[in-house]
C-alpha atoms as a PDB file:
ATOM      1  CA  UNK A   1     122.410  46.059  74.601  1.00  0.00           C
ATOM      2  CA  UNK A   2     125.960  47.604  75.252  1.00  0.00           C
ATOM      3  CA  UNK A   3     126.769  50.758  77.041  1.00  0.00           C
ATOM      4  CA  UNK A   4     129.245  53.279  76.255  1.00  0.00           C
ATOM      5  CA  UNK A   5     132.118  53.945  78.626  1.00  0.00           C
ATOM      6  CA  UNK A   6     133.304  57.350  79.167  1.00  0.00           C
ATOM      7  CA  UNK A   7     136.028  58.325  82.057  1.00  0.00           C
ATOM      8  CA  UNK A   8     136.209  61.711  83.578  1.00  0.00           C
ATOM      9  CA  UNK A   9     139.612  63.498  83.642  1.00  0.00           C
ATOM     10  CA  UNK A  10     140.031  62.766  87.262  1.00  0.00           C
ATOM     11  CA  UNK A  11     139.382  59.160  86.656  1.00  0.00           C
ATOM     12  CA  UNK A  12     141.958  58.928  83.808  1.00  0.00           C
ATOM     13  CA  UNK A  13     144.303  60.339  86.130  1.00  0.00           C
ATOM     14  CA  UNK A  14     143.612  57.858  88.854  1.00  0.00           C
ATOM     15  CA  UNK A  15     144.160  55.038  86.482  1.00  0.00           C
ATOM     16  CA  UNK A  16     147.514  56.548  85.231  1.00  0.00           C
ATOM     17  CA  UNK A  17     148.694  56.363  88.748  1.00  0.00           C
ATOM     18  CA  UNK A  18     148.186  52.706  89.193  1.00  0.00           C
ATOM     19  CA  UNK A  19     150.623  50.157  88.518  1.00  0.00           C
ATOM     20  CA  UNK A  20     150.593  48.715  85.184  1.00  0.00           C
ATOM     21  CA  UNK A  21     149.502  45.337  86.448  1.00  0.00           C
ATOM     22  CA  UNK A  22     146.705  46.843  88.511  1.00  0.00           C
ATOM     23  CA  UNK A  23     145.600  49.207  85.761  1.00  0.00           C
ATOM     24  CA  UNK A  24     145.195  46.159  83.366  1.00  0.00           C
ATOM     25  CA  UNK A  25     143.185  44.441  86.079  1.00  0.00           C
ATOM     26  CA  UNK A  26     141.108  47.549  86.617  1.00  0.00           C
ATOM     27  CA  UNK A  27     140.637  48.292  82.917  1.00  0.00           C
ATOM     28  CA  UNK A  28     139.378  45.000  82.099  1.00  0.00           C
ATOM     29  CA  UNK A  29     136.977  45.168  84.840  1.00  0.00           C
ATOM     30  CA  UNK A  30     135.760  48.632  83.530  1.00  0.00           C
ATOM     31  CA  UNK A  31     135.407  47.029  80.271  1.00  0.00           C
ATOM     32  CA  UNK A  32     133.084  44.238  81.406  1.00  0.00           C
ATOM     33  CA  UNK A  33     130.759  46.969  82.424  1.00  0.00           C
ATOM     34  CA  UNK A  34     129.702  47.636  78.983  1.00  0.00           C
ATOM     35  CA  UNK A  35     127.652  44.410  79.011  1.00  0.00           C
ATOM     36  CA  UNK A  36     126.648  44.429  82.683  1.00  0.00           C
ATOM     37  CA  UNK A  37     126.867  47.653  84.244  1.00  0.00           C
ATOM     38  CA  UNK A  38     125.441  46.157  87.614  1.00  0.00           C
ATOM     39  CA  UNK A  39     127.611  43.157  87.964  1.00  0.00           C
ATOM     40  CA  UNK A  40     127.458  40.682  90.779  1.00  0.00           C
ATOM     41  CA  UNK A  41     128.996  42.324  93.735  1.00  0.00           C
ATOM     42  CA  UNK A  42     128.720  45.889  92.768  1.00  0.00           C
ATOM     43  CA  UNK A  43     127.050  48.138  95.392  1.00  0.00           C
ATOM     44  CA  UNK A  44     125.045  51.273  94.914  1.00  0.00           C
ATOM     45  CA  UNK A  45     126.104  54.414  96.781  1.00  0.00           C
ATOM     46  CA  UNK A  46     123.977  55.473  99.501  1.00  0.00           C
ATOM     47  CA  UNK A  47     122.498  58.887  98.792  1.00  0.00           C
ATOM     48  CA  UNK A  48     124.084  59.233  95.322  1.00  0.00           C
ATOM     49  CA  UNK A  49     121.072  58.243  92.769  1.00  0.00           C
ATOM     50  CA  UNK A  50     122.670  56.059  89.758  1.00  0.00           C
ATOM     51  CA  UNK A  51     126.213  55.828  91.191  1.00  0.00           C
ATOM     52  CA  UNK A  52     127.708  52.331  91.762  1.00  0.00           C
ATOM     53  CA  UNK A  53     131.022  50.774  93.051  1.00  0.00           C
ATOM     54  CA  UNK A  54     132.849  47.667  92.159  1.00  0.00           C
ATOM     55  CA  UNK A  55     135.857  46.009  93.818  1.00  0.00           C
ATOM     56  CA  UNK A  56     138.968  45.151  91.797  1.00  0.00           C
ATOM     57  CA  UNK A  57     141.271  43.597  94.416  1.00  0.00           C
ATOM     58  CA  UNK A  58     142.164  46.466  96.770  1.00  0.00           C
ATOM     59  CA  UNK A  59     140.742  49.044  94.319  1.00  0.00           C
ATOM     60  CA  UNK A  60     137.433  50.416  93.923  1.00  0.00           C
ATOM     61  CA  UNK A  61     135.735  52.016  90.695  1.00  0.00           C
ATOM     62  CA  UNK A  62     133.166  54.351  91.192  1.00  0.00           C
ATOM     63  CA  UNK A  63     130.852  55.169  88.430  1.00  0.00           C
ATOM     64  CA  UNK A  64     127.340  56.559  87.327  1.00  0.00           C
ATOM     65  CA  UNK A  65     125.100  54.512  85.134  1.00  0.00           C
ATOM     66  CA  UNK A  66     122.673  56.341  82.902  1.00  0.00           C
ATOM     67  CA  UNK A  67     120.236  53.851  81.447  1.00  0.00           C
ATOM     68  CA  UNK A  68     118.593  56.051  79.244  1.00  0.00           C
ATOM     69  CA  UNK A  69     121.577  57.187  77.294  1.00  0.00           C
ATOM     70  CA  UNK A  70     123.328  53.649  77.699  1.00  0.00           C
ATOM     71  CA  UNK A  71     126.105  55.474  78.870  1.00  0.00           C
ATOM     72  CA  UNK A  72     128.730  54.321  81.976  1.00  0.00           C
ATOM     73  CA  UNK A  73     130.619  57.356  83.320  1.00  0.00           C
ATOM     74  CA  UNK A  74     133.650  56.188  85.221  1.00  0.00           C
ATOM     75  CA  UNK A  75     133.978  58.743  87.982  1.00  0.00           C
ATOM     76  CA  UNK A  76     137.030  57.699  90.466  1.00  0.00           C
ATOM     77  CA  UNK A  77     139.152  54.798  90.685  1.00  0.00           C
ATOM     78  CA  UNK A  78     141.306  54.476  93.798  1.00  0.00           C
ATOM     79  CA  UNK A  79     142.660  52.335  96.673  1.00  0.00           C
ATOM     80  CA  UNK A  80     139.690  51.480  99.101  1.00  0.00           C
ATOM     81  CA  UNK A  81     141.248  53.008 102.095  1.00  0.00           C
ATOM     82  CA  UNK A  82     141.349  56.440 100.476  1.00  0.00           C
ATOM     83  CA  UNK A  83     138.400  56.309  98.180  1.00  0.00           C
ATOM     84  CA  UNK A  84     135.776  56.145 100.614  1.00  0.00           C
ATOM     85  CA  UNK A  85     136.600  59.559 102.077  1.00  0.00           C
ATOM     86  CA  UNK A  86     136.651  60.893  98.649  1.00  0.00           C
ATOM     87  CA  UNK A  87     133.152  59.603  97.814  1.00  0.00           C
ATOM     88  CA  UNK A  88     131.639  61.174 101.033  1.00  0.00           C
ATOM     89  CA  UNK A  89     132.731  64.422  99.544  1.00  0.00           C
ATOM     90  CA  UNK A  90     131.118  63.779  95.975  1.00  0.00           C
END
């Protein structure tokens, strides 16, 4: 069972802001979500139904899993020190 990955415009902008090497690492981890949307080490976001985050070095990827549709929506990507404040406002 393979999930389809969709990326919000805001997450696309976040990815473009990363250095090339970091962007490649993050994109590789996002691609792996297709086969395992809840990999080891992912965390469910408190108070946000269906939202998870994964760590990629010093960066975090926040995403929504829609099991019924087999879709993973990438919501935000960013440095861990900045992203947690953004998550609180989601």
